Amino acid sequence: MLRQVLKSKLYRAVTTDSIVEYEGSIEIPRDLMEAADLWEGEKVLVASIDTTARLETYVLAGEPGTGRILINGGAANRIKKGERLTIMAFALSEVPVKAVKLVLDGDNRIVRTGN
């Protein structure tokens, strides 16, 4: 039986901008995407730590090293600039998966990995 399990998590990411007038998605710097094992176009669940808003969208690759995490399109009506987020991706597996878990600081730099 396939089970849906957490495979990637970015915890305490901070939204650096929120742009309604865009087609939609979340932009994450490519270096963070690689560290979290995320692909461009991959579906993610985005949860606001501050407001409890939750939404699903897809990942766009941003400029590496910038720390910019942008919420675009209709999602920008629910999640605003400066909100703290948990960004999660899931996989289907028949066996347990060791998730990549990254804790970020206020500038979206990795400060800790693991649980």
PDB file of N, CA and C in Angstrom:
ATOM      1  N   MET A   1       0.834  -1.169   0.000  1.00  0.00           N
ATOM      2  CA  MET A   1       0.000   0.000   0.000  1.00  0.00           C
ATOM      3  C   MET A   1       0.889   1.245   0.000  1.00  0.00           C
ATOM      4  N   LEU A   2       0.565   2.189  -0.867  1.00  0.00           N
ATOM      5  CA  LEU A   2       1.280   3.464  -0.882  1.00  0.00           C
ATOM      6  C   LEU A   2       0.703   4.382   0.180  1.00  0.00           C
ATOM      7  N   ARG A   3       1.581   5.055   0.892  1.00  0.00           N
ATOM      8  CA  ARG A   3       1.174   6.045   1.889  1.00  0.00           C
ATOM      9  C   ARG A   3       1.786   7.387   1.514  1.00  0.00           C
ATOM     10  N   GLN A   4       1.046   8.442   1.812  1.00  0.00           N
ATOM     11  CA  GLN A   4       1.574   9.782   1.560  1.00  0.00           C
ATOM     12  C   GLN A   4       2.323  10.218   2.808  1.00  0.00           C
ATOM     13  N   VAL A   5       3.623  10.523   2.644  1.00  0.00           N
ATOM     14  CA  VAL A   5       4.471  10.861   3.789  1.00  0.00           C
ATOM     15  C   VAL A   5       5.239  12.164   3.518  1.00  0.00           C
ATOM     16  N   LEU A   6       5.583  12.856   4.593  1.00  0.00           N
ATOM     17  CA  LEU A   6       6.388  14.071   4.474  1.00  0.00           C
ATOM     18  C   LEU A   6       7.767  13.720   3.930  1.00  0.00           C
ATOM     19  N   LYS A   7       8.224  14.462   2.913  1.00  0.00           N
ATOM     20  CA  LYS A   7       9.570  14.236   2.381  1.00  0.00           C
ATOM     21  C   LYS A   7      10.469  15.460   2.533  1.00  0.00           C
ATOM     22  N   SER A   8       9.870  16.659   2.587  1.00  0.00           N
ATOM     23  CA  SER A   8      10.651  17.894   2.682  1.00  0.00           C
ATOM     24  C   SER A   8       9.890  18.915   3.515  1.00  0.00           C
ATOM     25  N   LYS A   9      10.641  19.645   4.356  1.00  0.00           N
ATOM     26  CA  LYS A   9      10.001  20.666   5.184  1.00  0.00           C
ATOM     27  C   LYS A   9      10.959  21.834   5.394  1.00  0.00           C
ATOM     28  N   LEU A  10      10.474  23.034   5.075  1.00  0.00           N
ATOM     29  CA  LEU A  10      11.186  24.275   5.385  1.00  0.00           C
ATOM     30  C   LEU A  10      10.383  24.937   6.501  1.00  0.00           C
ATOM     31  N   TYR A  11      10.954  25.032   7.688  1.00  0.00           N
ATOM     32  CA  TYR A  11      10.240  25.549   8.854  1.00  0.00           C
ATOM     33  C   TYR A  11      10.732  26.945   9.208  1.00  0.00           C
ATOM     34  N   ARG A  12       9.802  27.849   9.462  1.00  0.00           N
ATOM     35  CA  ARG A  12      10.060  29.240   9.831  1.00  0.00           C
ATOM     36  C   ARG A  12      10.606  30.073   8.682  1.00  0.00           C
ATOM     37  N   ALA A  13      10.272  29.689   7.442  1.00  0.00           N
ATOM     38  CA  ALA A  13      10.598  30.537   6.298  1.00  0.00           C
ATOM     39  C   ALA A  13       9.801  31.835   6.444  1.00  0.00           C
ATOM     40  N   VAL A  14      10.356  32.939   5.973  1.00  0.00           N
ATOM     41  CA  VAL A  14       9.679  34.231   6.061  1.00  0.00           C
ATOM     42  C   VAL A  14       9.374  34.723   4.651  1.00  0.00           C
ATOM     43  N   THR A  15       8.123  35.110   4.434  1.00  0.00           N
ATOM     44  CA  THR A  15       7.712  35.645   3.141  1.00  0.00           C
ATOM     45  C   THR A  15       8.339  37.020   2.946  1.00  0.00           C
ATOM     46  N   THR A  16       9.139  37.164   1.890  1.00  0.00           N
ATOM     47  CA  THR A  16       9.797  38.443   1.636  1.00  0.00           C
ATOM     48  C   THR A  16       8.959  39.360   0.765  1.00  0.00           C
ATOM     49  N   ASP A  17       7.973  38.796   0.058  1.00  0.00           N
ATOM     50  CA  ASP A  17       7.028  39.616  -0.694  1.00  0.00           C
ATOM     51  C   ASP A  17       5.813  38.776  -1.030  1.00  0.00           C
ATOM     52  N   SER A  18       4.730  39.475  -1.328  1.00  0.00           N
ATOM     53  CA  SER A  18       3.449  38.854  -1.625  1.00  0.00           C
ATOM     54  C   SER A  18       2.841  39.637  -2.783  1.00  0.00           C
ATOM     55  N   ILE A  19       2.763  39.013  -3.978  1.00  0.00           N
ATOM     56  CA  ILE A  19       2.400  39.736  -5.198  1.00  0.00           C
ATOM     57  C   ILE A  19       1.144  39.118  -5.815  1.00  0.00           C
ATOM     58  N   VAL A  20       0.015  39.803  -5.671  1.00  0.00           N
ATOM     59  CA  VAL A  20      -1.254  39.300  -6.201  1.00  0.00           C
ATOM     60  C   VAL A  20      -1.234  39.258  -7.727  1.00  0.00           C
ATOM     61  N   GLU A  21      -0.650  40.268  -8.357  1.00  0.00           N
ATOM     62  CA  GLU A  21      -0.677  40.381  -9.816  1.00  0.00           C
ATOM     63  C   GLU A  21       0.375  39.489 -10.470  1.00  0.00           C
ATOM     64  N   TYR A  22       0.269  38.199 -10.213  1.00  0.00           N
ATOM     65  CA  TYR A  22       1.174  37.215 -10.800  1.00  0.00           C
ATOM     66  C   TYR A  22       0.379  35.937 -10.976  1.00  0.00           C
ATOM     67  N   GLU A  23       0.804  35.094 -11.876  1.00  0.00           N
ATOM     68  CA  GLU A  23       0.063  33.889 -12.228  1.00  0.00           C
ATOM     69  C   GLU A  23      -0.123  32.925 -11.057  1.00  0.00           C
ATOM     70  N   GLY A  24       0.716  32.951 -10.077  1.00  0.00           N
ATOM     71  CA  GLY A  24       0.551  32.061  -8.932  1.00  0.00           C
ATOM     72  C   GLY A  24       1.736  31.155  -8.711  1.00  0.00           C
ATOM     73  N   SER A  25       1.971  30.806  -7.484  1.00  0.00           N
ATOM     74  CA  SER A  25       3.018  29.875  -7.066  1.00  0.00           C
ATOM     75  C   SER A  25       3.779  30.460  -5.878  1.00  0.00           C
ATOM     76  N   ILE A  26       4.768  29.720  -5.422  1.00  0.00           N
ATOM     77  CA  ILE A  26       5.691  30.211  -4.405  1.00  0.00           C
ATOM     78  C   ILE A  26       7.094  30.137  -5.002  1.00  0.00           C
ATOM     79  N   GLU A  27       7.823  31.223  -4.913  1.00  0.00           N
ATOM     80  CA  GLU A  27       9.198  31.247  -5.413  1.00  0.00           C
ATOM     81  C   GLU A  27      10.134  31.027  -4.239  1.00  0.00           C
ATOM     82  N   ILE A  28      11.024  30.047  -4.393  1.00  0.00           N
ATOM     83  CA  ILE A  28      11.992  29.681  -3.356  1.00  0.00           C
ATOM     84  C   ILE A  28      13.373  29.698  -4.010  1.00  0.00           C
ATOM     85  N   PRO A  29      14.391  30.276  -3.361  1.00  0.00           N
ATOM     86  CA  PRO A  29      15.729  30.280  -3.954  1.00  0.00           C
ATOM     87  C   PRO A  29      16.200  28.856  -4.269  1.00  0.00           C
ATOM     88  N   ARG A  30      16.834  28.731  -5.409  1.00  0.00           N
ATOM     89  CA  ARG A  30      17.269  27.410  -5.873  1.00  0.00           C
ATOM     90  C   ARG A  30      18.165  26.691  -4.848  1.00  0.00           C
ATOM     91  N   ASP A  31      19.007  27.414  -4.111  1.00  0.00           N
ATOM     92  CA  ASP A  31      19.861  26.746  -3.129  1.00  0.00           C
ATOM     93  C   ASP A  31      19.032  26.117  -2.004  1.00  0.00           C
ATOM     94  N   LEU A  32      17.961  26.782  -1.581  1.00  0.00           N
ATOM     95  CA  LEU A  32      17.077  26.193  -0.569  1.00  0.00           C
ATOM     96  C   LEU A  32      16.292  25.025  -1.146  1.00  0.00           C
ATOM     97  N   MET A  33      15.890  25.153  -2.408  1.00  0.00           N
ATOM     98  CA  MET A  33      15.190  24.043  -3.064  1.00  0.00           C
ATOM     99  C   MET A  33      16.062  22.797  -3.089  1.00  0.00           C
ATOM    100  N   GLU A  34      17.320  22.967  -3.452  1.00  0.00           N
ATOM    101  CA  GLU A  34      18.232  21.824  -3.512  1.00  0.00           C
ATOM    102  C   GLU A  34      18.450  21.225  -2.130  1.00  0.00           C
ATOM    103  N   ALA A  35      18.635  22.075  -1.123  1.00  0.00           N
ATOM    104  CA  ALA A  35      18.853  21.584   0.241  1.00  0.00           C
ATOM    105  C   ALA A  35      17.632  20.827   0.762  1.00  0.00           C
ATOM    106  N   ALA A  36      16.434  21.242   0.324  1.00  0.00           N
ATOM    107  CA  ALA A  36      15.192  20.619   0.783  1.00  0.00           C
ATOM    108  C   ALA A  36      14.693  19.526  -0.164  1.00  0.00           C
ATOM    109  N   ASP A  37      15.451  19.240  -1.215  1.00  0.00           N
ATOM    110  CA  ASP A  37      15.055  18.238  -2.204  1.00  0.00           C
ATOM    111  C   ASP A  37      13.709  18.570  -2.839  1.00  0.00           C
ATOM    112  N   LEU A  38      13.562  19.827  -3.292  1.00  0.00           N
ATOM    113  CA  LEU A  38      12.354  20.262  -3.992  1.00  0.00           C
ATOM    114  C   LEU A  38      12.663  20.474  -5.469  1.00  0.00           C
ATOM    115  N   TRP A  39      11.734  20.126  -6.321  1.00  0.00           N
ATOM    116  CA  TRP A  39      11.867  20.338  -7.758  1.00  0.00           C
ATOM    117  C   TRP A  39      11.023  21.525  -8.179  1.00  0.00           C
ATOM    118  N   GLU A  40      11.464  22.203  -9.216  1.00  0.00           N
ATOM    119  CA  GLU A  40      10.628  23.252  -9.797  1.00  0.00           C
ATOM    120  C   GLU A  40       9.337  22.602 -10.310  1.00  0.00           C
ATOM    121  N   GLY A  41       8.212  23.203 -10.003  1.00  0.00           N
ATOM    122  CA  GLY A  41       6.925  22.666 -10.394  1.00  0.00           C
ATOM    123  C   GLY A  41       6.324  21.692  -9.393  1.00  0.00           C
ATOM    124  N   GLU A  42       7.095  21.316  -8.374  1.00  0.00           N
ATOM    125  CA  GLU A  42       6.581  20.366  -7.371  1.00  0.00           C
ATOM    126  C   GLU A  42       5.498  21.012  -6.513  1.00  0.00           C
ATOM    127  N   LYS A  43       4.468  20.244  -6.200  1.00  0.00           N
ATOM    128  CA  LYS A  43       3.382  20.732  -5.352  1.00  0.00           C
ATOM    129  C   LYS A  43       3.852  20.791  -3.899  1.00  0.00           C
ATOM    130  N   VAL A  44       3.512  21.890  -3.232  1.00  0.00           N
ATOM    131  CA  VAL A  44       3.837  22.048  -1.821  1.00  0.00           C
ATOM    132  C   VAL A  44       2.604  22.538  -1.062  1.00  0.00           C
ATOM    133  N   LEU A  45       2.578  22.203   0.208  1.00  0.00           N
ATOM    134  CA  LEU A  45       1.596  22.739   1.133  1.00  0.00           C
ATOM    135  C   LEU A  45       2.288  23.850   1.896  1.00  0.00           C
ATOM    136  N   VAL A  46       1.685  25.041   1.889  1.00  0.00           N
ATOM    137  CA  VAL A  46       2.250  26.201   2.573  1.00  0.00           C
ATOM    138  C   VAL A  46       1.316  26.551   3.720  1.00  0.00           C
ATOM    139  N   ALA A  47       1.868  26.591   4.931  1.00  0.00           N
ATOM    140  CA  ALA A  47       1.074  26.898   6.119  1.00  0.00           C
ATOM    141  C   ALA A  47       1.680  28.108   6.820  1.00  0.00           C
ATOM    142  N   SER A  48       0.841  29.111   7.075  1.00  0.00           N
ATOM    143  CA  SER A  48       1.301  30.294   7.801  1.00  0.00           C
ATOM    144  C   SER A  48       1.329  29.994   9.296  1.00  0.00           C
ATOM    145  N   ILE A  49       2.468  30.185   9.912  1.00  0.00           N
ATOM    146  CA  ILE A  49       2.595  30.022  11.357  1.00  0.00           C
ATOM    147  C   ILE A  49       1.841  31.140  12.065  1.00  0.00           C
ATOM    148  N   ASP A  50       1.776  32.304  11.438  1.00  0.00           N
ATOM    149  CA  ASP A  50       1.179  33.484  12.062  1.00  0.00           C
ATOM    150  C   ASP A  50      -0.340  33.529  11.978  1.00  0.00           C
ATOM    151  N   THR A  51      -0.915  33.125  10.832  1.00  0.00           N
ATOM    152  CA  THR A  51      -2.365  33.272  10.655  1.00  0.00           C
ATOM    153  C   THR A  51      -3.099  31.945  10.532  1.00  0.00           C
ATOM    154  N   THR A  52      -2.399  30.849  10.445  1.00  0.00           N
ATOM    155  CA  THR A  52      -2.918  29.485  10.228  1.00  0.00           C
ATOM    156  C   THR A  52      -3.465  29.264   8.822  1.00  0.00           C
ATOM    157  N   ALA A  53      -3.331  30.235   7.902  1.00  0.00           N
ATOM    158  CA  ALA A  53      -3.753  30.026   6.509  1.00  0.00           C
ATOM    159  C   ALA A  53      -2.947  28.867   5.930  1.00  0.00           C
ATOM    160  N   ARG A  54      -3.622  28.037   5.133  1.00  0.00           N
ATOM    161  CA  ARG A  54      -2.966  26.903   4.475  1.00  0.00           C
ATOM    162  C   ARG A  54      -3.393  26.884   3.021  1.00  0.00           C
ATOM    163  N   LEU A  55      -2.442  26.570   2.132  1.00  0.00           N
ATOM    164  CA  LEU A  55      -2.780  26.474   0.712  1.00  0.00           C
ATOM    165  C   LEU A  55      -1.780  25.578   0.009  1.00  0.00           C
ATOM    166  N   GLU A  56      -2.218  25.049  -1.122  1.00  0.00           N
ATOM    167  CA  GLU A  56      -1.340  24.259  -1.969  1.00  0.00           C
ATOM    168  C   GLU A  56      -0.999  25.074  -3.197  1.00  0.00           C
ATOM    169  N   THR A  57       0.249  24.970  -3.625  1.00  0.00           N
ATOM    170  CA  THR A  57       0.708  25.642  -4.831  1.00  0.00           C
ATOM    171  C   THR A  57       1.896  24.854  -5.370  1.00  0.00           C
ATOM    172  N   TYR A  58       2.592  25.432  -6.334  1.00  0.00           N
ATOM    173  CA  TYR A  58       3.772  24.768  -6.896  1.00  0.00           C
ATOM    174  C   TYR A  58       4.977  25.682  -6.757  1.00  0.00           C
ATOM    175  N   VAL A  59       6.156  25.074  -6.807  1.00  0.00           N
ATOM    176  CA  VAL A  59       7.411  25.786  -6.572  1.00  0.00           C
ATOM    177  C   VAL A  59       7.974  26.346  -7.880  1.00  0.00           C
ATOM    178  N   LEU A  60       8.406  27.607  -7.814  1.00  0.00           N
ATOM    179  CA  LEU A  60       9.211  28.227  -8.866  1.00  0.00           C
ATOM    180  C   LEU A  60      10.602  28.454  -8.297  1.00  0.00           C
ATOM    181  N   ALA A  61      11.620  28.235  -9.105  1.00  0.00           N
ATOM    182  CA  ALA A  61      13.001  28.435  -8.661  1.00  0.00           C
ATOM    183  C   ALA A  61      13.351  29.914  -8.694  1.00  0.00           C
ATOM    184  N   GLY A  62      13.875  30.407  -7.577  1.00  0.00           N
ATOM    185  CA  GLY A  62      14.340  31.780  -7.487  1.00  0.00           C
ATOM    186  C   GLY A  62      15.858  31.846  -7.512  1.00  0.00           C
ATOM    187  N   GLU A  63      16.356  33.042  -7.530  1.00  0.00           N
ATOM    188  CA  GLU A  63      17.797  33.293  -7.564  1.00  0.00           C
ATOM    189  C   GLU A  63      18.438  32.728  -6.300  1.00  0.00           C
ATOM    190  N   PRO A  64      19.461  31.853  -6.438  1.00  0.00           N
ATOM    191  CA  PRO A  64      20.104  31.285  -5.261  1.00  0.00           C
ATOM    192  C   PRO A  64      20.810  32.350  -4.422  1.00  0.00           C
ATOM    193  N   GLY A  65      20.826  32.122  -3.119  1.00  0.00           N
ATOM    194  CA  GLY A  65      21.545  32.995  -2.202  1.00  0.00           C
ATOM    195  C   GLY A  65      20.820  34.271  -1.820  1.00  0.00           C
ATOM    196  N   THR A  66      19.639  34.502  -2.363  1.00  0.00           N
ATOM    197  CA  THR A  66      18.927  35.751  -2.076  1.00  0.00           C
ATOM    198  C   THR A  66      18.077  35.678  -0.815  1.00  0.00           C
ATOM    199  N   GLY A  67      17.627  34.479  -0.447  1.00  0.00           N
ATOM    200  CA  GLY A  67      16.726  34.338   0.688  1.00  0.00           C
ATOM    201  C   GLY A  67      15.316  34.798   0.396  1.00  0.00           C
ATOM    202  N   ARG A  68      15.028  35.150  -0.863  1.00  0.00           N
ATOM    203  CA  ARG A  68      13.690  35.654  -1.203  1.00  0.00           C
ATOM    204  C   ARG A  68      12.695  34.512  -1.342  1.00  0.00           C
ATOM    205  N   ILE A  69      11.626  34.594  -0.576  1.00  0.00           N
ATOM    206  CA  ILE A  69      10.516  33.657  -0.707  1.00  0.00           C
ATOM    207  C   ILE A  69       9.285  34.489  -1.025  1.00  0.00           C
ATOM    208  N   LEU A  70       8.795  34.334  -2.249  1.00  0.00           N
ATOM    209  CA  LEU A  70       7.695  35.152  -2.749  1.00  0.00           C
ATOM    210  C   LEU A  70       6.423  34.319  -2.840  1.00  0.00           C
ATOM    211  N   ILE A  71       5.321  34.876  -2.359  1.00  0.00           N
ATOM    212  CA  ILE A  71       3.999  34.273  -2.523  1.00  0.00           C
ATOM    213  C   ILE A  71       3.314  35.053  -3.642  1.00  0.00           C
ATOM    214  N   ASN A  72       2.852  34.347  -4.659  1.00  0.00           N
ATOM    215  CA  ASN A  72       2.318  34.996  -5.852  1.00  0.00           C
ATOM    216  C   ASN A  72       0.874  34.618  -6.129  1.00  0.00           C
ATOM    217  N   GLY A  73       0.201  35.442  -6.912  1.00  0.00           N
ATOM    218  CA  GLY A  73      -1.151  35.166  -7.370  1.00  0.00           C
ATOM    219  C   GLY A  73      -2.168  35.222  -6.248  1.00  0.00           C
ATOM    220  N   GLY A  74      -3.226  34.444  -6.403  1.00  0.00           N
ATOM    221  CA  GLY A  74      -4.303  34.430  -5.422  1.00  0.00           C
ATOM    222  C   GLY A  74      -3.837  34.091  -4.024  1.00  0.00           C
ATOM    223  N   ALA A  75      -2.774  33.303  -3.916  1.00  0.00           N
ATOM    224  CA  ALA A  75      -2.230  32.941  -2.600  1.00  0.00           C
ATOM    225  C   ALA A  75      -1.788  34.177  -1.824  1.00  0.00           C
ATOM    226  N   ALA A  76      -1.438  35.239  -2.549  1.00  0.00           N
ATOM    227  CA  ALA A  76      -0.996  36.478  -1.899  1.00  0.00           C
ATOM    228  C   ALA A  76      -2.137  37.178  -1.162  1.00  0.00           C
ATOM    229  N   ASN A  77      -3.359  36.775  -1.417  1.00  0.00           N
ATOM    230  CA  ASN A  77      -4.486  37.295  -0.652  1.00  0.00           C
ATOM    231  C   ASN A  77      -4.593  36.627   0.720  1.00  0.00           C
ATOM    232  N   ARG A  78      -3.980  35.463   0.860  1.00  0.00           N
ATOM    233  CA  ARG A  78      -4.058  34.708   2.119  1.00  0.00           C
ATOM    234  C   ARG A  78      -2.789  34.807   2.946  1.00  0.00           C
ATOM    235  N   ILE A  79      -1.642  34.922   2.275  1.00  0.00           N
ATOM    236  CA  ILE A  79      -0.353  34.971   2.969  1.00  0.00           C
ATOM    237  C   ILE A  79       0.361  36.252   2.552  1.00  0.00           C
ATOM    238  N   LYS A  80       0.753  37.054   3.512  1.00  0.00           N
ATOM    239  CA  LYS A  80       1.311  38.382   3.260  1.00  0.00           C
ATOM    240  C   LYS A  80       2.809  38.431   3.549  1.00  0.00           C
ATOM    241  N   LYS A  81       3.423  39.500   3.073  1.00  0.00           N
ATOM    242  CA  LYS A  81       4.836  39.769   3.321  1.00  0.00           C
ATOM    243  C   LYS A  81       5.102  39.761   4.829  1.00  0.00           C
ATOM    244  N   GLY A  82       6.177  39.102   5.224  1.00  0.00           N
ATOM    245  CA  GLY A  82       6.601  39.069   6.624  1.00  0.00           C
ATOM    246  C   GLY A  82       6.050  37.914   7.435  1.00  0.00           C
ATOM    247  N   GLU A  83       5.113  37.141   6.880  1.00  0.00           N
ATOM    248  CA  GLU A  83       4.571  36.003   7.622  1.00  0.00           C
ATOM    249  C   GLU A  83       5.587  34.865   7.677  1.00  0.00           C
ATOM    250  N   ARG A  84       5.578  34.166   8.800  1.00  0.00           N
ATOM    251  CA  ARG A  84       6.413  32.970   8.961  1.00  0.00           C
ATOM    252  C   ARG A  84       5.643  31.771   8.436  1.00  0.00           C
ATOM    253  N   LEU A  85       6.353  30.900   7.705  1.00  0.00           N
ATOM    254  CA  LEU A  85       5.720  29.782   7.012  1.00  0.00           C
ATOM    255  C   LEU A  85       6.374  28.456   7.346  1.00  0.00           C
ATOM    256  N   THR A  86       5.584  27.404   7.160  1.00  0.00           N
ATOM    257  CA  THR A  86       6.111  26.055   7.037  1.00  0.00           C
ATOM    258  C   THR A  86       5.743  25.600   5.634  1.00  0.00           C
ATOM    259  N   ILE A  87       6.741  25.190   4.864  1.00  0.00           N
ATOM    260  CA  ILE A  87       6.549  24.745   3.483  1.00  0.00           C
ATOM    261  C   ILE A  87       6.846  23.250   3.455  1.00  0.00           C
ATOM    262  N   MET A  88       5.869  22.449   3.024  1.00  0.00           N
ATOM    263  CA  MET A  88       6.003  20.995   3.089  1.00  0.00           C
ATOM    264  C   MET A  88       5.726  20.345   1.747  1.00  0.00           C
ATOM    265  N   ALA A  89       6.496  19.313   1.419  1.00  0.00           N
ATOM    266  CA  ALA A  89       6.253  18.494   0.236  1.00  0.00           C
ATOM    267  C   ALA A  89       6.134  17.042   0.698  1.00  0.00           C
ATOM    268  N   PHE A  90       5.329  16.275  -0.027  1.00  0.00           N
ATOM    269  CA  PHE A  90       5.021  14.902   0.359  1.00  0.00           C
ATOM    270  C   PHE A  90       5.368  13.949  -0.777  1.00  0.00           C
ATOM    271  N   ALA A  91       5.518  12.672  -0.447  1.00  0.00           N
ATOM    272  CA  ALA A  91       5.810  11.640  -1.438  1.00  0.00           C
ATOM    273  C   ALA A  91       4.928  10.435  -1.164  1.00  0.00           C
ATOM    274  N   LEU A  92       4.723   9.616  -2.176  1.00  0.00           N
ATOM    275  CA  LEU A  92       4.040   8.344  -2.004  1.00  0.00           C
ATOM    276  C   LEU A  92       5.095   7.261  -1.872  1.00  0.00           C
ATOM    277  N   SER A  93       4.963   6.425  -0.844  1.00  0.00           N
ATOM    278  CA  SER A  93       5.973   5.404  -0.599  1.00  0.00           C
ATOM    279  C   SER A  93       5.348   4.206   0.097  1.00  0.00           C
ATOM    280  N   GLU A  94       5.946   3.052  -0.129  1.00  0.00           N
ATOM    281  CA  GLU A  94       5.529   1.833   0.575  1.00  0.00           C
ATOM    282  C   GLU A  94       6.361   1.616   1.831  1.00  0.00           C
ATOM    283  N   VAL A  95       7.405   2.414   1.987  1.00  0.00           N
ATOM    284  CA  VAL A  95       8.288   2.283   3.158  1.00  0.00           C
ATOM    285  C   VAL A  95       8.455   3.656   3.803  1.00  0.00           C
ATOM    286  N   PRO A  96       8.818   3.715   5.074  1.00  0.00           N
ATOM    287  CA  PRO A  96       9.044   5.019   5.709  1.00  0.00           C
ATOM    288  C   PRO A  96      10.106   5.822   4.963  1.00  0.00           C
ATOM    289  N   VAL A  97       9.919   7.132   4.954  1.00  0.00           N
ATOM    290  CA  VAL A  97      10.833   8.056   4.281  1.00  0.00           C
ATOM    291  C   VAL A  97      11.445   8.972   5.325  1.00  0.00           C
ATOM    292  N   LYS A  98      12.760   9.156   5.268  1.00  0.00           N
ATOM    293  CA  LYS A  98      13.417  10.106   6.164  1.00  0.00           C
ATOM    294  C   LYS A  98      13.306  11.488   5.530  1.00  0.00           C
ATOM    295  N   ALA A  99      12.477  12.322   6.092  1.00  0.00           N
ATOM    296  CA  ALA A  99      12.229  13.647   5.523  1.00  0.00           C
ATOM    297  C   ALA A  99      13.430  14.571   5.730  1.00  0.00           C
ATOM    298  N   VAL A 100      13.644  15.452   4.756  1.00  0.00           N
ATOM    299  CA  VAL A 100      14.620  16.528   4.883  1.00  0.00           C
ATOM    300  C   VAL A 100      13.905  17.662   5.609  1.00  0.00           C
ATOM    301  N   LYS A 101      14.396  18.030   6.784  1.00  0.00           N
ATOM    302  CA  LYS A 101      13.767  19.092   7.569  1.00  0.00           C
ATOM    303  C   LYS A 101      14.787  20.190   7.818  1.00  0.00           C
ATOM    304  N   LEU A 102      14.459  21.401   7.358  1.00  0.00           N
ATOM    305  CA  LEU A 102      15.342  22.551   7.498  1.00  0.00           C
ATOM    306  C   LEU A 102      14.657  23.618   8.324  1.00  0.00           C
ATOM    307  N   VAL A 103      15.359  24.166   9.305  1.00  0.00           N
ATOM    308  CA  VAL A 103      14.861  25.293  10.090  1.00  0.00           C
ATOM    309  C   VAL A 103      15.605  26.528   9.597  1.00  0.00           C
ATOM    310  N   LEU A 104      14.833  27.587   9.279  1.00  0.00           N
ATOM    311  CA  LEU A 104      15.412  28.802   8.720  1.00  0.00           C
ATOM    312  C   LEU A 104      15.364  29.942   9.725  1.00  0.00           C
ATOM    313  N   ASP A 105      16.258  30.925   9.542  1.00  0.00           N
ATOM    314  CA  ASP A 105      16.224  32.129  10.374  1.00  0.00           C
ATOM    315  C   ASP A 105      15.390  33.202   9.659  1.00  0.00           C
ATOM    316  N   GLY A 106      15.340  34.394  10.204  1.00  0.00           N
ATOM    317  CA  GLY A 106      14.541  35.479   9.653  1.00  0.00           C
ATOM    318  C   GLY A 106      14.968  35.947   8.276  1.00  0.00           C
ATOM    319  N   ASP A 107      16.182  35.566   7.843  1.00  0.00           N
ATOM    320  CA  ASP A 107      16.669  35.904   6.507  1.00  0.00           C
ATOM    321  C   ASP A 107      16.615  34.704   5.566  1.00  0.00           C
ATOM    322  N   ASN A 108      15.901  33.661   5.984  1.00  0.00           N
ATOM    323  CA  ASN A 108      15.737  32.432   5.205  1.00  0.00           C
ATOM    324  C   ASN A 108      17.051  31.717   4.929  1.00  0.00           C
ATOM    325  N   ARG A 109      17.921  31.746   5.930  1.00  0.00           N
ATOM    326  CA  ARG A 109      19.156  30.949   5.882  1.00  0.00           C
ATOM    327  C   ARG A 109      18.962  29.731   6.765  1.00  0.00           C
ATOM    328  N   ILE A 110      19.556  28.619   6.369  1.00  0.00           N
ATOM    329  CA  ILE A 110      19.436  27.369   7.141  1.00  0.00           C
ATOM    330  C   ILE A 110      20.233  27.517   8.437  1.00  0.00           C
ATOM    331  N   VAL A 111      19.551  27.316   9.575  1.00  0.00           N
ATOM    332  CA  VAL A 111      20.231  27.364  10.863  1.00  0.00           C
ATOM    333  C   VAL A 111      20.313  26.000  11.524  1.00  0.00           C
ATOM    334  N   ARG A 112      19.451  25.075  11.061  1.00  0.00           N
ATOM    335  CA  ARG A 112      19.483  23.734  11.652  1.00  0.00           C
ATOM    336  C   ARG A 112      18.805  22.764  10.684  1.00  0.00           C
ATOM    337  N   THR A 113      19.276  21.527  10.697  1.00  0.00           N
ATOM    338  CA  THR A 113      18.633  20.465   9.933  1.00  0.00           C
ATOM    339  C   THR A 113      18.190  19.377  10.903  1.00  0.00           C
ATOM    340  N   GLY A 114      17.254  18.585  10.477  1.00  0.00           N
ATOM    341  CA  GLY A 114      16.782  17.487  11.325  1.00  0.00           C
ATOM    342  C   GLY A 114      15.412  17.749  11.899  1.00  0.00           C
ATOM    343  N   ASN A 115      15.063  17.019  12.946  1.00  0.00           N
ATOM    344  CA  ASN A 115      13.715  17.100  13.531  1.00  0.00           C
ATOM    345  C   ASN A 115      13.482  18.365  14.248  1.00  0.00           C
TER     346      ASN A 115
END
